[in-house]
Amino acid sequence: MKCDGITFDSAAEARRYEALRLLEAAGAIRDLRVHTRWTLRIRDCRICVYECDFEYWTRDGEQVVEDVKGFRTREYKIKRELMRALYDINICELQA
């Protein structure tokens, strides 16, 4: 599904994008980014890459990383834990 020229994996993800765009327009969030990628490394070893659905900042300056999930795969669960361990980022999961 496409919205604003961006391809989303699901209709639920596209709907969330539209909702976040409205929140950004209202000033509730800022700097909305789509499909941000993090390289997950331990020492000099590249383990994998995690790509979130959305990243933005709240009015209070808190970074939020979101993923719209229909199902949590084993791979996703590992990447979620690596994000927490390496970047101290807790991914906000939304059910599709």
PDB file of N, CA and C in Angstrom:
ATOM      1  N   MET A   1       0.841  -1.177   0.000  1.00  0.00           N
ATOM      2  CA  MET A   1       0.000   0.000   0.000  1.00  0.00           C
ATOM      3  C   MET A   1       0.889   1.244   0.000  1.00  0.00           C
ATOM      4  N   LYS A   2       0.498   2.262  -0.766  1.00  0.00           N
ATOM      5  CA  LYS A   2       1.263   3.494  -0.858  1.00  0.00           C
ATOM      6  C   LYS A   2       0.481   4.665  -0.270  1.00  0.00           C
ATOM      7  N   CYS A   3       1.246   5.567   0.354  1.00  0.00           N
ATOM      8  CA  CYS A   3       0.670   6.790   0.905  1.00  0.00           C
ATOM      9  C   CYS A   3       1.766   7.847   0.839  1.00  0.00           C
ATOM     10  N   ASP A   4       1.481   8.998   0.275  1.00  0.00           N
ATOM     11  CA  ASP A   4       2.482  10.062   0.102  1.00  0.00           C
ATOM     12  C   ASP A   4       3.728   9.557  -0.632  1.00  0.00           C
ATOM     13  N   GLY A   5       3.540   8.586  -1.533  1.00  0.00           N
ATOM     14  CA  GLY A   5       4.653   8.048  -2.296  1.00  0.00           C
ATOM     15  C   GLY A   5       5.506   7.048  -1.539  1.00  0.00           C
ATOM     16  N   ILE A   6       5.113   6.705  -0.313  1.00  0.00           N
ATOM     17  CA  ILE A   6       5.846   5.746   0.514  1.00  0.00           C
ATOM     18  C   ILE A   6       5.114   4.413   0.465  1.00  0.00           C
ATOM     19  N   THR A   7       5.855   3.337   0.259  1.00  0.00           N
ATOM     20  CA  THR A   7       5.256   1.999   0.238  1.00  0.00           C
ATOM     21  C   THR A   7       5.278   1.412   1.643  1.00  0.00           C
ATOM     22  N   PHE A   8       4.116   0.980   2.102  1.00  0.00           N
ATOM     23  CA  PHE A   8       3.972   0.361   3.421  1.00  0.00           C
ATOM     24  C   PHE A   8       3.647  -1.113   3.254  1.00  0.00           C
ATOM     25  N   ASP A   9       4.049  -1.911   4.241  1.00  0.00           N
ATOM     26  CA  ASP A   9       3.841  -3.355   4.191  1.00  0.00           C
ATOM     27  C   ASP A   9       2.390  -3.757   4.392  1.00  0.00           C
ATOM     28  N   SER A  10       1.612  -2.875   5.015  1.00  0.00           N
ATOM     29  CA  SER A  10       0.217  -3.231   5.301  1.00  0.00           C
ATOM     30  C   SER A  10      -0.657  -1.985   5.348  1.00  0.00           C
ATOM     31  N   ALA A  11      -1.961  -2.213   5.271  1.00  0.00           N
ATOM     32  CA  ALA A  11      -2.918  -1.111   5.398  1.00  0.00           C
ATOM     33  C   ALA A  11      -2.851  -0.518   6.806  1.00  0.00           C
ATOM     34  N   ALA A  12      -2.611  -1.368   7.808  1.00  0.00           N
ATOM     35  CA  ALA A  12      -2.520  -0.886   9.191  1.00  0.00           C
ATOM     36  C   ALA A  12      -1.340   0.069   9.349  1.00  0.00           C
ATOM     37  N   GLU A  13      -0.227  -0.256   8.721  1.00  0.00           N
ATOM     38  CA  GLU A  13       0.947   0.611   8.789  1.00  0.00           C
ATOM     39  C   GLU A  13       0.675   1.943   8.082  1.00  0.00           C
ATOM     40  N   ALA A  14      -0.007   1.897   6.943  1.00  0.00           N
ATOM     41  CA  ALA A  14      -0.351   3.125   6.219  1.00  0.00           C
ATOM     42  C   ALA A  14      -1.310   3.989   7.039  1.00  0.00           C
ATOM     43  N   ARG A  15      -2.271   3.359   7.705  1.00  0.00           N
ATOM     44  CA  ARG A  15      -3.205   4.117   8.559  1.00  0.00           C
ATOM     45  C   ARG A  15      -2.466   4.781   9.713  1.00  0.00           C
ATOM     46  N   ARG A  16      -1.509   4.060  10.295  1.00  0.00           N
ATOM     47  CA  ARG A  16      -0.732   4.641  11.401  1.00  0.00           C
ATOM     48  C   ARG A  16       0.075   5.830  10.909  1.00  0.00           C
ATOM     49  N   TYR A  17       0.625   5.720   9.721  1.00  0.00           N
ATOM     50  CA  TYR A  17       1.369   6.842   9.137  1.00  0.00           C
ATOM     51  C   TYR A  17       0.462   8.067   9.000  1.00  0.00           C
ATOM     52  N   GLU A  18      -0.735   7.860   8.495  1.00  0.00           N
ATOM     53  CA  GLU A  18      -1.667   8.980   8.337  1.00  0.00           C
ATOM     54  C   GLU A  18      -1.999   9.614   9.689  1.00  0.00           C
ATOM     55  N   ALA A  19      -2.182   8.793  10.711  1.00  0.00           N
ATOM     56  CA  ALA A  19      -2.467   9.312  12.056  1.00  0.00           C
ATOM     57  C   ALA A  19      -1.277  10.096  12.598  1.00  0.00           C
ATOM     58  N   LEU A  20      -0.085   9.588  12.382  1.00  0.00           N
ATOM     59  CA  LEU A  20       1.114  10.294  12.852  1.00  0.00           C
ATOM     60  C   LEU A  20       1.318  11.606  12.112  1.00  0.00           C
ATOM     61  N   ARG A  21       0.989  11.642  10.823  1.00  0.00           N
ATOM     62  CA  ARG A  21       1.099  12.898  10.061  1.00  0.00           C
ATOM     63  C   ARG A  21       0.157  13.958  10.644  1.00  0.00           C
ATOM     64  N   LEU A  22      -1.038  13.531  11.052  1.00  0.00           N
ATOM     65  CA  LEU A  22      -1.979  14.468  11.680  1.00  0.00           C
ATOM     66  C   LEU A  22      -1.428  14.971  13.017  1.00  0.00           C
ATOM     67  N   LEU A  23      -0.838  14.071  13.807  1.00  0.00           N
ATOM     68  CA  LEU A  23      -0.240  14.480  15.083  1.00  0.00           C
ATOM     69  C   LEU A  23       0.917  15.440  14.865  1.00  0.00           C
ATOM     70  N   GLU A  24       1.686  15.205  13.818  1.00  0.00           N
ATOM     71  CA  GLU A  24       2.800  16.102  13.511  1.00  0.00           C
ATOM     72  C   GLU A  24       2.287  17.476  13.082  1.00  0.00           C
ATOM     73  N   ALA A  25       1.245  17.490  12.266  1.00  0.00           N
ATOM     74  CA  ALA A  25       0.656  18.759  11.822  1.00  0.00           C
ATOM     75  C   ALA A  25       0.078  19.549  12.994  1.00  0.00           C
ATOM     76  N   ALA A  26      -0.421  18.839  13.999  1.00  0.00           N
ATOM     77  CA  ALA A  26      -0.996  19.485  15.186  1.00  0.00           C
ATOM     78  C   ALA A  26       0.077  19.897  16.193  1.00  0.00           C
ATOM     79  N   GLY A  27       1.319  19.495  15.954  1.00  0.00           N
ATOM     80  CA  GLY A  27       2.406  19.862  16.859  1.00  0.00           C
ATOM     81  C   GLY A  27       2.591  18.922  18.033  1.00  0.00           C
ATOM     82  N   ALA A  28       1.882  17.800  18.039  1.00  0.00           N
ATOM     83  CA  ALA A  28       2.002  16.850  19.147  1.00  0.00           C
ATOM     84  C   ALA A  28       3.291  16.040  19.058  1.00  0.00           C
ATOM     85  N   ILE A  29       3.774  15.825  17.827  1.00  0.00           N
ATOM     86  CA  ILE A  29       5.059  15.146  17.614  1.00  0.00           C
ATOM     87  C   ILE A  29       5.839  15.944  16.576  1.00  0.00           C
ATOM     88  N   ARG A  30       7.133  15.607  16.436  1.00  0.00           N
ATOM     89  CA  ARG A  30       7.939  16.301  15.429  1.00  0.00           C
ATOM     90  C   ARG A  30       8.917  15.327  14.774  1.00  0.00           C
ATOM     91  N   ASP A  31       9.432  15.739  13.634  1.00  0.00           N
ATOM     92  CA  ASP A  31      10.476  14.993  12.919  1.00  0.00           C
ATOM     93  C   ASP A  31      10.097  13.536  12.651  1.00  0.00           C
ATOM     94  N   LEU A  32       8.900  13.338  12.121  1.00  0.00           N
ATOM     95  CA  LEU A  32       8.448  11.991  11.783  1.00  0.00           C
ATOM     96  C   LEU A  32       9.322  11.421  10.670  1.00  0.00           C
ATOM     97  N   ARG A  33       9.826  10.221  10.905  1.00  0.00           N
ATOM     98  CA  ARG A  33      10.634   9.513   9.914  1.00  0.00           C
ATOM     99  C   ARG A  33      10.024   8.139   9.687  1.00  0.00           C
ATOM    100  N   VAL A  34      10.158   7.666   8.464  1.00  0.00           N
ATOM    101  CA  VAL A  34       9.594   6.376   8.081  1.00  0.00           C
ATOM    102  C   VAL A  34      10.732   5.437   7.678  1.00  0.00           C
ATOM    103  N   HIS A  35      10.671   4.210   8.166  1.00  0.00           N
ATOM    104  CA  HIS A  35      11.616   3.151   7.805  1.00  0.00           C
ATOM    105  C   HIS A  35      13.070   3.520   8.118  1.00  0.00           C
ATOM    106  N   THR A  36      13.299   4.065   9.295  1.00  0.00           N
ATOM    107  CA  THR A  36      14.655   4.356   9.758  1.00  0.00           C
ATOM    108  C   THR A  36      15.384   3.030   9.973  1.00  0.00           C
ATOM    109  N   ARG A  37      16.658   3.009   9.605  1.00  0.00           N
ATOM    110  CA  ARG A  37      17.456   1.788   9.729  1.00  0.00           C
ATOM    111  C   ARG A  37      18.589   1.977  10.732  1.00  0.00           C
ATOM    112  N   TRP A  38      18.806   0.950  11.568  1.00  0.00           N
ATOM    113  CA  TRP A  38      19.917   0.908  12.507  1.00  0.00           C
ATOM    114  C   TRP A  38      20.762  -0.326  12.198  1.00  0.00           C
ATOM    115  N   THR A  39      22.065  -0.130  12.136  1.00  0.00           N
ATOM    116  CA  THR A  39      22.971  -1.266  12.020  1.00  0.00           C
ATOM    117  C   THR A  39      23.263  -1.748  13.432  1.00  0.00           C
ATOM    118  N   LEU A  40      23.009  -2.999  13.675  1.00  0.00           N
ATOM    119  CA  LEU A  40      23.206  -3.571  15.003  1.00  0.00           C
ATOM    120  C   LEU A  40      24.549  -4.296  15.017  1.00  0.00           C
ATOM    121  N   ARG A  41      25.498  -3.709  15.760  1.00  0.00           N
ATOM    122  CA  ARG A  41      26.866  -4.208  15.819  1.00  0.00           C
ATOM    123  C   ARG A  41      27.251  -4.542  17.241  1.00  0.00           C
ATOM    124  N   ILE A  42      28.050  -5.570  17.360  1.00  0.00           N
ATOM    125  CA  ILE A  42      28.681  -5.888  18.635  1.00  0.00           C
ATOM    126  C   ILE A  42      30.175  -5.893  18.357  1.00  0.00           C
ATOM    127  N   ARG A  43      30.871  -5.025  19.066  1.00  0.00           N
ATOM    128  CA  ARG A  43      32.280  -4.747  18.798  1.00  0.00           C
ATOM    129  C   ARG A  43      32.396  -4.330  17.337  1.00  0.00           C
ATOM    130  N   ASP A  44      33.210  -4.991  16.553  1.00  0.00           N
ATOM    131  CA  ASP A  44      33.351  -4.633  15.137  1.00  0.00           C
ATOM    132  C   ASP A  44      32.555  -5.553  14.224  1.00  0.00           C
ATOM    133  N   CYS A  45      31.665  -6.333  14.801  1.00  0.00           N
ATOM    134  CA  CYS A  45      30.925  -7.322  14.030  1.00  0.00           C
ATOM    135  C   CYS A  45      29.501  -6.832  13.747  1.00  0.00           C
ATOM    136  N   ARG A  46      29.156  -6.714  12.483  1.00  0.00           N
ATOM    137  CA  ARG A  46      27.803  -6.339  12.086  1.00  0.00           C
ATOM    138  C   ARG A  46      26.917  -7.573  12.209  1.00  0.00           C
ATOM    139  N   ILE A  47      25.936  -7.504  13.096  1.00  0.00           N
ATOM    140  CA  ILE A  47      25.041  -8.629  13.331  1.00  0.00           C
ATOM    141  C   ILE A  47      23.886  -8.619  12.318  1.00  0.00           C
ATOM    142  N   CYS A  48      23.225  -7.457  12.207  1.00  0.00           N
ATOM    143  CA  CYS A  48      22.089  -7.335  11.299  1.00  0.00           C
ATOM    144  C   CYS A  48      21.682  -5.868  11.222  1.00  0.00           C
ATOM    145  N   VAL A  49      20.620  -5.607  10.504  1.00  0.00           N
ATOM    146  CA  VAL A  49      20.052  -4.263  10.397  1.00  0.00           C
ATOM    147  C   VAL A  49      18.599  -4.343  10.849  1.00  0.00           C
ATOM    148  N   TYR A  50      18.195  -3.384  11.680  1.00  0.00           N
ATOM    149  CA  TYR A  50      16.790  -3.285  12.090  1.00  0.00           C
ATOM    150  C   TYR A  50      16.191  -2.065  11.415  1.00  0.00           C
ATOM    151  N   GLU A  51      15.022  -2.231  10.828  1.00  0.00           N
ATOM    152  CA  GLU A  51      14.303  -1.128  10.197  1.00  0.00           C
ATOM    153  C   GLU A  51      12.949  -0.985  10.880  1.00  0.00           C
ATOM    154  N   CYS A  52      12.747   0.154  11.518  1.00  0.00           N
ATOM    155  CA  CYS A  52      11.466   0.392  12.189  1.00  0.00           C
ATOM    156  C   CYS A  52      10.446   0.895  11.181  1.00  0.00           C
ATOM    157  N   ASP A  53       9.199   0.916  11.586  1.00  0.00           N
ATOM    158  CA  ASP A  53       8.165   1.508  10.740  1.00  0.00           C
ATOM    159  C   ASP A  53       8.188   3.031  10.875  1.00  0.00           C
ATOM    160  N   PHE A  54       8.273   3.519  12.131  1.00  0.00           N
ATOM    161  CA  PHE A  54       8.227   4.965  12.364  1.00  0.00           C
ATOM    162  C   PHE A  54       9.163   5.366  13.492  1.00  0.00           C
ATOM    163  N   GLU A  55       9.683   6.566  13.370  1.00  0.00           N
ATOM    164  CA  GLU A  55      10.481   7.175  14.428  1.00  0.00           C
ATOM    165  C   GLU A  55      10.068   8.647  14.498  1.00  0.00           C
ATOM    166  N   TYR A  56       9.902   9.155  15.713  1.00  0.00           N
ATOM    167  CA  TYR A  56       9.556  10.566  15.890  1.00  0.00           C
ATOM    168  C   TYR A  56       9.912  10.990  17.304  1.00  0.00           C
ATOM    169  N   TRP A  57       9.762  12.271  17.574  1.00  0.00           N
ATOM    170  CA  TRP A  57      10.049  12.822  18.897  1.00  0.00           C
ATOM    171  C   TRP A  57       8.793  13.491  19.439  1.00  0.00           C
ATOM    172  N   THR A  58       8.583  13.325  20.738  1.00  0.00           N
ATOM    173  CA  THR A  58       7.437  13.956  21.398  1.00  0.00           C
ATOM    174  C   THR A  58       7.766  15.412  21.717  1.00  0.00           C
ATOM    175  N   ARG A  59       6.786  16.141  22.174  1.00  0.00           N
ATOM    176  CA  ARG A  59       7.018  17.535  22.601  1.00  0.00           C
ATOM    177  C   ARG A  59       8.063  17.619  23.704  1.00  0.00           C
ATOM    178  N   ASP A  60       8.122  16.580  24.531  1.00  0.00           N
ATOM    179  CA  ASP A  60       9.067  16.546  25.644  1.00  0.00           C
ATOM    180  C   ASP A  60      10.467  16.123  25.217  1.00  0.00           C
ATOM    181  N   GLY A  61      10.665  15.886  23.927  1.00  0.00           N
ATOM    182  CA  GLY A  61      11.973  15.498  23.426  1.00  0.00           C
ATOM    183  C   GLY A  61      12.284  14.021  23.548  1.00  0.00           C
ATOM    184  N   GLU A  62      11.271  13.203  23.811  1.00  0.00           N
ATOM    185  CA  GLU A  62      11.462  11.755  23.916  1.00  0.00           C
ATOM    186  C   GLU A  62      11.416  11.130  22.524  1.00  0.00           C
ATOM    187  N   GLN A  63      12.403  10.306  22.232  1.00  0.00           N
ATOM    188  CA  GLN A  63      12.430   9.578  20.967  1.00  0.00           C
ATOM    189  C   GLN A  63      11.494   8.380  21.067  1.00  0.00           C
ATOM    190  N   VAL A  64      10.681   8.192  20.018  1.00  0.00           N
ATOM    191  CA  VAL A  64       9.772   7.052  19.966  1.00  0.00           C
ATOM    192  C   VAL A  64      10.076   6.275  18.691  1.00  0.00           C
ATOM    193  N   VAL A  65      10.244   4.983  18.841  1.00  0.00           N
ATOM    194  CA  VAL A  65      10.451   4.071  17.714  1.00  0.00           C
ATOM    195  C   VAL A  65       9.274   3.107  17.728  1.00  0.00           C
ATOM    196  N   GLU A  66       8.543   3.053  16.613  1.00  0.00           N
ATOM    197  CA  GLU A  66       7.327   2.242  16.548  1.00  0.00           C
ATOM    198  C   GLU A  66       7.424   1.178  15.466  1.00  0.00           C
ATOM    199  N   ASP A  67       6.759   0.074  15.735  1.00  0.00           N
ATOM    200  CA  ASP A  67       6.616  -0.994  14.754  1.00  0.00           C
ATOM    201  C   ASP A  67       5.174  -1.487  14.800  1.00  0.00           C
ATOM    202  N   VAL A  68       4.532  -1.549  13.656  1.00  0.00           N
ATOM    203  CA  VAL A  68       3.177  -2.087  13.545  1.00  0.00           C
ATOM    204  C   VAL A  68       3.333  -3.571  13.251  1.00  0.00           C
ATOM    205  N   LYS A  69       2.823  -4.404  14.147  1.00  0.00           N
ATOM    206  CA  LYS A  69       3.058  -5.840  14.048  1.00  0.00           C
ATOM    207  C   LYS A  69       1.761  -6.620  13.950  1.00  0.00           C
ATOM    208  N   GLY A  70       1.706  -7.507  12.985  1.00  0.00           N
ATOM    209  CA  GLY A  70       0.637  -8.484  12.931  1.00  0.00           C
ATOM    210  C   GLY A  70       1.061  -9.729  13.688  1.00  0.00           C
ATOM    211  N   PHE A  71       2.376 -10.009  13.623  1.00  0.00           N
ATOM    212  CA  PHE A  71       2.942 -11.196  14.264  1.00  0.00           C
ATOM    213  C   PHE A  71       4.398 -10.900  14.595  1.00  0.00           C
ATOM    214  N   ARG A  72       4.830 -11.293  15.786  1.00  0.00           N
ATOM    215  CA  ARG A  72       6.224 -11.090  16.195  1.00  0.00           C
ATOM    216  C   ARG A  72       7.043 -12.311  15.789  1.00  0.00           C
ATOM    217  N   THR A  73       7.859 -12.158  14.760  1.00  0.00           N
ATOM    218  CA  THR A  73       8.706 -13.265  14.325  1.00  0.00           C
ATOM    219  C   THR A  73       9.876 -13.428  15.287  1.00  0.00           C
ATOM    220  N   ARG A  74      10.521 -14.578  15.216  1.00  0.00           N
ATOM    221  CA  ARG A  74      11.707 -14.825  16.044  1.00  0.00           C
ATOM    222  C   ARG A  74      12.797 -13.803  15.718  1.00  0.00           C
ATOM    223  N   GLU A  75      12.976 -13.518  14.436  1.00  0.00           N
ATOM    224  CA  GLU A  75      13.984 -12.541  14.010  1.00  0.00           C
ATOM    225  C   GLU A  75      13.683 -11.159  14.604  1.00  0.00           C
ATOM    226  N   TYR A  76      12.424 -10.741  14.543  1.00  0.00           N
ATOM    227  CA  TYR A  76      12.057  -9.443  15.108  1.00  0.00           C
ATOM    228  C   TYR A  76      12.345  -9.401  16.612  1.00  0.00           C
ATOM    229  N   LYS A  77      12.011 -10.470  17.330  1.00  0.00           N
ATOM    230  CA  LYS A  77      12.236 -10.486  18.780  1.00  0.00           C
ATOM    231  C   LYS A  77      13.720 -10.313  19.119  1.00  0.00           C
ATOM    232  N   ILE A  78      14.579 -10.929  18.327  1.00  0.00           N
ATOM    233  CA  ILE A  78      16.027 -10.781  18.552  1.00  0.00           C
ATOM    234  C   ILE A  78      16.456  -9.345  18.274  1.00  0.00           C
ATOM    235  N   LYS A  79      15.986  -8.782  17.174  1.00  0.00           N
ATOM    236  CA  LYS A  79      16.338  -7.403  16.830  1.00  0.00           C
ATOM    237  C   LYS A  79      15.816  -6.426  17.884  1.00  0.00           C
ATOM    238  N   ARG A  80      14.620  -6.694  18.402  1.00  0.00           N
ATOM    239  CA  ARG A  80      14.048  -5.837  19.453  1.00  0.00           C
ATOM    240  C   ARG A  80      14.952  -5.827  20.685  1.00  0.00           C
ATOM    241  N   GLU A  81      15.443  -6.984  21.072  1.00  0.00           N
ATOM    242  CA  GLU A  81      16.334  -7.071  22.234  1.00  0.00           C
ATOM    243  C   GLU A  81      17.692  -6.421  21.955  1.00  0.00           C
ATOM    244  N   LEU A  82      18.186  -6.568  20.741  1.00  0.00           N
ATOM    245  CA  LEU A  82      19.444  -5.907  20.379  1.00  0.00           C
ATOM    246  C   LEU A  82      19.300  -4.385  20.405  1.00  0.00           C
ATOM    247  N   MET A  83      18.166  -3.881  19.949  1.00  0.00           N
ATOM    248  CA  MET A  83      17.926  -2.425  19.998  1.00  0.00           C
ATOM    249  C   MET A  83      17.957  -1.939  21.441  1.00  0.00           C
ATOM    250  N   ARG A  84      17.357  -2.703  22.338  1.00  0.00           N
ATOM    251  CA  ARG A  84      17.340  -2.336  23.750  1.00  0.00           C
ATOM    252  C   ARG A  84      18.758  -2.391  24.329  1.00  0.00           C
ATOM    253  N   ALA A  85      19.486  -3.446  24.026  1.00  0.00           N
ATOM    254  CA  ALA A  85      20.820  -3.635  24.595  1.00  0.00           C
ATOM    255  C   ALA A  85      21.845  -2.652  24.035  1.00  0.00           C
ATOM    256  N   LEU A  86      21.788  -2.398  22.738  1.00  0.00           N
ATOM    257  CA  LEU A  86      22.819  -1.574  22.099  1.00  0.00           C
ATOM    258  C   LEU A  86      22.513  -0.085  22.117  1.00  0.00           C
ATOM    259  N   TYR A  87      21.242   0.282  21.985  1.00  0.00           N
ATOM    260  CA  TYR A  87      20.864   1.697  21.865  1.00  0.00           C
ATOM    261  C   TYR A  87      19.966   2.190  22.995  1.00  0.00           C
ATOM    262  N   ASP A  88      19.605   1.315  23.915  1.00  0.00           N
ATOM    263  CA  ASP A  88      18.684   1.665  24.999  1.00  0.00           C
ATOM    264  C   ASP A  88      17.362   2.194  24.449  1.00  0.00           C
ATOM    265  N   ILE A  89      16.907   1.560  23.377  1.00  0.00           N
ATOM    266  CA  ILE A  89      15.635   1.938  22.739  1.00  0.00           C
ATOM    267  C   ILE A  89      14.642   0.807  22.930  1.00  0.00           C
ATOM    268  N   ASN A  90      13.514   1.131  23.547  1.00  0.00           N
ATOM    269  CA  ASN A  90      12.408   0.177  23.685  1.00  0.00           C
ATOM    270  C   ASN A  90      11.416   0.451  22.563  1.00  0.00           C
ATOM    271  N   ILE A  91      11.227  -0.508  21.713  1.00  0.00           N
ATOM    272  CA  ILE A  91      10.340  -0.332  20.558  1.00  0.00           C
ATOM    273  C   ILE A  91       8.896  -0.379  21.016  1.00  0.00           C
ATOM    274  N   CYS A  92       8.142   0.600  20.586  1.00  0.00           N
ATOM    275  CA  CYS A  92       6.700   0.651  20.868  1.00  0.00           C
ATOM    276  C   CYS A  92       6.009  -0.189  19.788  1.00  0.00           C
ATOM    277  N   GLU A  93       5.343  -1.245  20.209  1.00  0.00           N
ATOM    278  CA  GLU A  93       4.696  -2.158  19.269  1.00  0.00           C
ATOM    279  C   GLU A  93       3.194  -1.875  19.218  1.00  0.00           C
ATOM    280  N   LEU A  94       2.683  -1.758  18.014  1.00  0.00           N
ATOM    281  CA  LEU A  94       1.259  -1.580  17.794  1.00  0.00           C
ATOM    282  C   LEU A  94       0.747  -2.793  17.031  1.00  0.00           C
ATOM    283  N   GLN A  95      -0.372  -3.328  17.452  1.00  0.00           N
ATOM    284  CA  GLN A  95      -0.945  -4.500  16.794  1.00  0.00           C
ATOM    285  C   GLN A  95      -1.687  -4.089  15.521  1.00  0.00           C
ATOM    286  N   ALA A  96      -1.435  -4.837  14.465  1.00  0.00           N
ATOM    287  CA  ALA A  96      -2.102  -4.563  13.176  1.00  0.00           C
ATOM    288  C   ALA A  96      -3.533  -5.034  13.222  1.00  0.00           C
TER     289      ALA A  96
END
